[in-house]
PDB file of N, CA and C in Angstrom:
ATOM      1  N   MET A   1      70.476  78.409 111.694  1.00  0.00           N
ATOM      2  CA  MET A   1      71.515  79.406 111.576  1.00  0.00           C
ATOM      3  C   MET A   1      71.058  80.442 110.561  1.00  0.00           C
ATOM      4  N   GLN A   2      71.316  81.689 110.844  1.00  0.00           N
ATOM      5  CA  GLN A   2      70.878  82.721 109.908  1.00  0.00           C
ATOM      6  C   GLN A   2      71.930  83.015 108.859  1.00  0.00           C
ATOM      7  N   ASN A   3      71.468  83.496 107.728  1.00  0.00           N
ATOM      8  CA  ASN A   3      72.376  83.834 106.641  1.00  0.00           C
ATOM      9  C   ASN A   3      73.143  85.106 106.976  1.00  0.00           C
ATOM     10  N   LEU A   4      74.410  85.113 106.620  1.00  0.00           N
ATOM     11  CA  LEU A   4      75.238  86.299 106.818  1.00  0.00           C
ATOM     12  C   LEU A   4      75.486  86.964 105.476  1.00  0.00           C
ATOM     13  N   LEU A   5      75.613  88.266 105.506  1.00  0.00           N
ATOM     14  CA  LEU A   5      75.911  89.057 104.326  1.00  0.00           C
ATOM     15  C   LEU A   5      77.331  89.581 104.422  1.00  0.00           C
ATOM     16  N   HIS A   6      77.877  90.041 103.320  1.00  0.00           N
ATOM     17  CA  HIS A   6      79.185  90.677 103.349  1.00  0.00           C
ATOM     18  C   HIS A   6      79.039  92.113 102.889  1.00  0.00           C
ATOM     19  N   ARG A   7      79.803  93.001 103.492  1.00  0.00           N
ATOM     20  CA  ARG A   7      79.764  94.400 103.077  1.00  0.00           C
ATOM     21  C   ARG A   7      81.102  95.058 103.351  1.00  0.00           C
ATOM     22  N   HIS A   8      81.406  96.060 102.559  1.00  0.00           N
ATOM     23  CA  HIS A   8      82.644  96.801 102.706  1.00  0.00           C
ATOM     24  C   HIS A   8      82.361  98.101 103.439  1.00  0.00           C
ATOM     25  N   VAL A   9      83.145  98.374 104.469  1.00  0.00           N
ATOM     26  CA  VAL A   9      83.040  99.622 105.215  1.00  0.00           C
ATOM     27  C   VAL A   9      84.214 100.491 104.788  1.00  0.00           C
ATOM     28  N   GLN A  10      83.901 101.616 104.130  1.00  0.00           N
ATOM     29  CA  GLN A  10      84.944 102.520 103.661  1.00  0.00           C
ATOM     30  C   GLN A  10      85.393 103.432 104.795  1.00  0.00           C
ATOM     31  N   VAL A  11      86.455 104.192 104.548  1.00  0.00           N
ATOM     32  CA  VAL A  11      87.098 104.994 105.589  1.00  0.00           C
ATOM     33  C   VAL A  11      86.128 105.975 106.246  1.00  0.00           C
ATOM     34  N   ALA A  12      85.363 106.717 105.464  1.00  0.00           N
ATOM     35  CA  ALA A  12      84.452 107.708 106.049  1.00  0.00           C
ATOM     36  C   ALA A  12      83.441 107.050 106.993  1.00  0.00           C
ATOM     37  N   GLU A  13      82.880 105.927 106.565  1.00  0.00           N
ATOM     38  CA  GLU A  13      81.909 105.219 107.409  1.00  0.00           C
ATOM     39  C   GLU A  13      82.601 104.594 108.617  1.00  0.00           C
ATOM     40  N   SER A  14      83.825 104.105 108.428  1.00  0.00           N
ATOM     41  CA  SER A  14      84.532 103.479 109.544  1.00  0.00           C
ATOM     42  C   SER A  14      84.812 104.493 110.647  1.00  0.00           C
ATOM     43  N   LEU A  15      85.130 105.727 110.274  1.00  0.00           N
ATOM     44  CA  LEU A  15      85.356 106.775 111.276  1.00  0.00           C
ATOM     45  C   LEU A  15      84.066 107.069 112.044  1.00  0.00           C
ATOM     46  N   ARG A  16      82.950 107.112 111.318  1.00  0.00           N
ATOM     47  CA  ARG A  16      81.663 107.382 111.959  1.00  0.00           C
ATOM     48  C   ARG A  16      81.257 106.257 112.910  1.00  0.00           C
ATOM     49  N   LEU A  17      81.534 105.006 112.513  1.00  0.00           N
ATOM     50  CA  LEU A  17      81.143 103.849 113.313  1.00  0.00           C
ATOM     51  C   LEU A  17      82.157 103.487 114.395  1.00  0.00           C
ATOM     52  N   GLY A  18      83.378 103.999 114.264  1.00  0.00           N
ATOM     53  CA  GLY A  18      84.418 103.661 115.238  1.00  0.00           C
ATOM     54  C   GLY A  18      85.006 102.282 115.026  1.00  0.00           C
ATOM     55  N   VAL A  19      85.053 101.841 113.774  1.00  0.00           N
ATOM     56  CA  VAL A  19      85.647 100.542 113.432  1.00  0.00           C
ATOM     57  C   VAL A  19      86.680 100.757 112.335  1.00  0.00           C
ATOM     58  N   GLU A  20      87.472  99.728 112.061  1.00  0.00           N
ATOM     59  CA  GLU A  20      88.457  99.797 110.989  1.00  0.00           C
ATOM     60  C   GLU A  20      87.771  99.611 109.639  1.00  0.00           C
ATOM     61  N   SER A  21      88.354 100.200 108.619  1.00  0.00           N
ATOM     62  CA  SER A  21      87.867 100.007 107.258  1.00  0.00           C
ATOM     63  C   SER A  21      88.184  98.579 106.821  1.00  0.00           C
ATOM     64  N   GLY A  22      87.301  97.960 106.064  1.00  0.00           N
ATOM     65  CA  GLY A  22      87.533  96.610 105.560  1.00  0.00           C
ATOM     66  C   GLY A  22      86.227  95.903 105.281  1.00  0.00           C
ATOM     67  N   TRP A  23      86.321  94.617 105.024  1.00  0.00           N
ATOM     68  CA  TRP A  23      85.159  93.779 104.733  1.00  0.00           C
ATOM     69  C   TRP A  23      84.660  93.139 106.023  1.00  0.00           C
ATOM     70  N   TYR A  24      83.354  93.143 106.206  1.00  0.00           N
ATOM     71  CA  TYR A  24      82.724  92.577 107.394  1.00  0.00           C
ATOM     72  C   TYR A  24      81.600  91.634 106.991  1.00  0.00           C
ATOM     73  N   SER A  25      81.421  90.586 107.795  1.00  0.00           N
ATOM     74  CA  SER A  25      80.212  89.782 107.641  1.00  0.00           C
ATOM     75  C   SER A  25      79.209  90.357 108.627  1.00  0.00           C
ATOM     76  N   THR A  26      77.962  90.464 108.167  1.00  0.00           N
ATOM     77  CA  THR A  26      76.931  91.063 109.001  1.00  0.00           C
ATOM     78  C   THR A  26      75.677  90.206 109.001  1.00  0.00           C
ATOM     79  N   LYS A  27      74.877  90.383 110.050  1.00  0.00           N
ATOM     80  CA  LYS A  27      73.553  89.794 110.085  1.00  0.00           C
ATOM     81  C   LYS A  27      72.664  90.628 109.163  1.00  0.00           C
ATOM     82  N   ILE A  28      71.478  90.149 108.867  1.00  0.00           N
ATOM     83  CA  ILE A  28      70.520  90.886 108.050  1.00  0.00           C
ATOM     84  C   ILE A  28      70.248  92.258 108.678  1.00  0.00           C
ATOM     85  N   SER A  29      70.250  92.333 110.004  1.00  0.00           N
ATOM     86  CA  SER A  29      69.974  93.578 110.720  1.00  0.00           C
ATOM     87  C   SER A  29      71.095  94.604 110.572  1.00  0.00           C
ATOM     88  N   GLY A  30      72.270  94.160 110.078  1.00  0.00           N
ATOM     89  CA  GLY A  30      73.407  95.058 109.939  1.00  0.00           C
ATOM     90  C   GLY A  30      74.442  94.922 111.038  1.00  0.00           C
ATOM     91  N   THR A  31      74.169  94.091 112.035  1.00  0.00           N
ATOM     92  CA  THR A  31      75.110  93.867 113.129  1.00  0.00           C
ATOM     93  C   THR A  31      76.343  93.142 112.610  1.00  0.00           C
ATOM     94  N   PHE A  32      77.528  93.667 112.937  1.00  0.00           N
ATOM     95  CA  PHE A  32      78.768  93.027 112.521  1.00  0.00           C
ATOM     96  C   PHE A  32      78.948  91.706 113.250  1.00  0.00           C
ATOM     97  N   VAL A  33      79.391  90.685 112.516  1.00  0.00           N
ATOM     98  CA  VAL A  33      79.647  89.370 113.102  1.00  0.00           C
ATOM     99  C   VAL A  33      81.144  89.096 113.104  1.00  0.00           C
ATOM    100  N   THR A  34      81.803  89.268 111.970  1.00  0.00           N
ATOM    101  CA  THR A  34      83.252  89.093 111.899  1.00  0.00           C
ATOM    102  C   THR A  34      83.860  90.225 111.084  1.00  0.00           C
ATOM    103  N   GLY A  35      85.148  90.431 111.268  1.00  0.00           N
ATOM    104  CA  GLY A  35      85.855  91.423 110.471  1.00  0.00           C
ATOM    105  C   GLY A  35      86.653  92.353 111.354  1.00  0.00           C
ATOM    106  N   PRO A  36      87.414  93.194 110.772  1.00  0.00           N
ATOM    107  CA  PRO A  36      87.497  93.421 109.335  1.00  0.00           C
ATOM    108  C   PRO A  36      88.385  92.384 108.645  1.00  0.00           C
ATOM    109  N   HIS A  37      88.023  92.066 107.427  1.00  0.00           N
ATOM    110  CA  HIS A  37      88.812  91.184 106.585  1.00  0.00           C
ATOM    111  C   HIS A  37      89.445  92.042 105.490  1.00  0.00           C
ATOM    112  N   PRO A  38      90.683  91.745 105.101  1.00  0.00           N
ATOM    113  CA  PRO A  38      91.359  92.581 104.102  1.00  0.00           C
ATOM    114  C   PRO A  38      90.762  92.480 102.698  1.00  0.00           C
ATOM    115  N   THR A  39      90.118  91.357 102.374  1.00  0.00           N
ATOM    116  CA  THR A  39      89.551  91.188 101.038  1.00  0.00           C
ATOM    117  C   THR A  39      88.142  90.629 101.133  1.00  0.00           C
ATOM    118  N   GLU A  40      87.386  90.831 100.060  1.00  0.00           N
ATOM    119  CA  GLU A  40      86.037  90.280  99.984  1.00  0.00           C
ATOM    120  C   GLU A  40      86.091  88.754 100.011  1.00  0.00           C
ATOM    121  N   ALA A  41      87.079  88.179  99.340  1.00  0.00           N
ATOM    122  CA  ALA A  41      87.208  86.724  99.285  1.00  0.00           C
ATOM    123  C   ALA A  41      87.410  86.130 100.681  1.00  0.00           C
ATOM    124  N   GLU A  42      88.234  86.767 101.492  1.00  0.00           N
ATOM    125  CA  GLU A  42      88.456  86.259 102.853  1.00  0.00           C
ATOM    126  C   GLU A  42      87.193  86.373 103.693  1.00  0.00           C
ATOM    127  N   CYS A  43      86.452  87.440 103.491  1.00  0.00           N
ATOM    128  CA  CYS A  43      85.190  87.612 104.209  1.00  0.00           C
ATOM    129  C   CYS A  43      84.201  86.516 103.809  1.00  0.00           C
ATOM    130  N   LEU A  44      84.088  86.259 102.509  1.00  0.00           N
ATOM    131  CA  LEU A  44      83.185  85.202 102.024  1.00  0.00           C
ATOM    132  C   LEU A  44      83.613  83.826 102.530  1.00  0.00           C
ATOM    133  N   HIS A  45      84.919  83.613 102.634  1.00  0.00           N
ATOM    134  CA  HIS A  45      85.432  82.343 103.154  1.00  0.00           C
ATOM    135  C   HIS A  45      85.000  82.166 104.612  1.00  0.00           C
ATOM    136  N   LYS A  46      85.091  83.221 105.396  1.00  0.00           N
ATOM    137  CA  LYS A  46      84.696  83.149 106.802  1.00  0.00           C
ATOM    138  C   LYS A  46      83.197  82.894 106.927  1.00  0.00           C
ATOM    139  N   ILE A  47      82.398  83.541 106.073  1.00  0.00           N
ATOM    140  CA  ILE A  47      80.957  83.308 106.076  1.00  0.00           C
ATOM    141  C   ILE A  47      80.666  81.844 105.766  1.00  0.00           C
ATOM    142  N   ALA A  48      81.387  81.282 104.800  1.00  0.00           N
ATOM    143  CA  ALA A  48      81.200  79.867 104.443  1.00  0.00           C
ATOM    144  C   ALA A  48      81.553  78.949 105.612  1.00  0.00           C
ATOM    145  N   GLU A  49      82.562  79.313 106.388  1.00  0.00           N
ATOM    146  CA  GLU A  49      82.925  78.520 107.573  1.00  0.00           C
ATOM    147  C   GLU A  49      81.815  78.557 108.625  1.00  0.00           C
ATOM    148  N   LEU A  50      81.218  79.730 108.796  1.00  0.00           N
ATOM    149  CA  LEU A  50      80.195  79.897 109.824  1.00  0.00           C
ATOM    150  C   LEU A  50      78.838  79.356 109.387  1.00  0.00           C
ATOM    151  N   ASN A  51      78.559  79.379 108.099  1.00  0.00           N
ATOM    152  CA  ASN A  51      77.284  78.909 107.539  1.00  0.00           C
ATOM    153  C   ASN A  51      77.526  77.831 106.504  1.00  0.00           C
ATOM    154  N   PRO A  52      77.911  76.640 106.931  1.00  0.00           N
ATOM    155  CA  PRO A  52      78.157  75.598 105.927  1.00  0.00           C
ATOM    156  C   PRO A  52      76.872  75.241 105.188  1.00  0.00           C
ATOM    157  N   VAL A  53      77.006  74.954 103.910  1.00  0.00           N
ATOM    158  CA  VAL A  53      75.854  74.547 103.100  1.00  0.00           C
ATOM    159  C   VAL A  53      75.536  73.095 103.416  1.00  0.00           C
ATOM    160  N   VAL A  54      74.312  72.861 103.837  1.00  0.00           N
ATOM    161  CA  VAL A  54      73.883  71.504 104.171  1.00  0.00           C
ATOM    162  C   VAL A  54      73.138  70.954 102.963  1.00  0.00           C
ATOM    163  N   PRO A  55      73.610  69.847 102.409  1.00  0.00           N
ATOM    164  CA  PRO A  55      72.927  69.288 101.233  1.00  0.00           C
ATOM    165  C   PRO A  55      71.503  68.867 101.591  1.00  0.00           C
ATOM    166  N   LYS A  56      70.582  69.132 100.661  1.00  0.00           N
ATOM    167  CA  LYS A  56      69.190  68.741 100.870  1.00  0.00           C
ATOM    168  C   LYS A  56      69.045  67.252 100.583  1.00  0.00           C
ATOM    169  N   ARG A  57      68.244  66.599 101.424  1.00  0.00           N
ATOM    170  CA  ARG A  57      68.002  65.169 101.226  1.00  0.00           C
ATOM    171  C   ARG A  57      66.885  64.987 100.211  1.00  0.00           C
ATOM    172  N   LYS A  58      67.032  63.962  99.399  1.00  0.00           N
ATOM    173  CA  LYS A  58      65.982  63.632  98.446  1.00  0.00           C
ATOM    174  C   LYS A  58      64.890  62.872  99.175  1.00  0.00           C
ATOM    175  N   ALA A  59      63.672  63.181  98.827  1.00  0.00           N
ATOM    176  CA  ALA A  59      62.525  62.542  99.488  1.00  0.00           C
ATOM    177  C   ALA A  59      62.228  61.185  98.914  1.00  0.00           C
TER     178      ALA A  59
END
């Protein structure tokens, strides 16, 4: 699974992109995966749901 990033899309950029303003989770390439989320915390929560941290096994 690839790592997702979080970013805020402000009004001016949202008009240019044709999306709502808010927080989005994105791939490294910049492709939107989820959103818009009203807060950064909610966006990070969604990223955590999609990319659960898998504990490393001790050798």
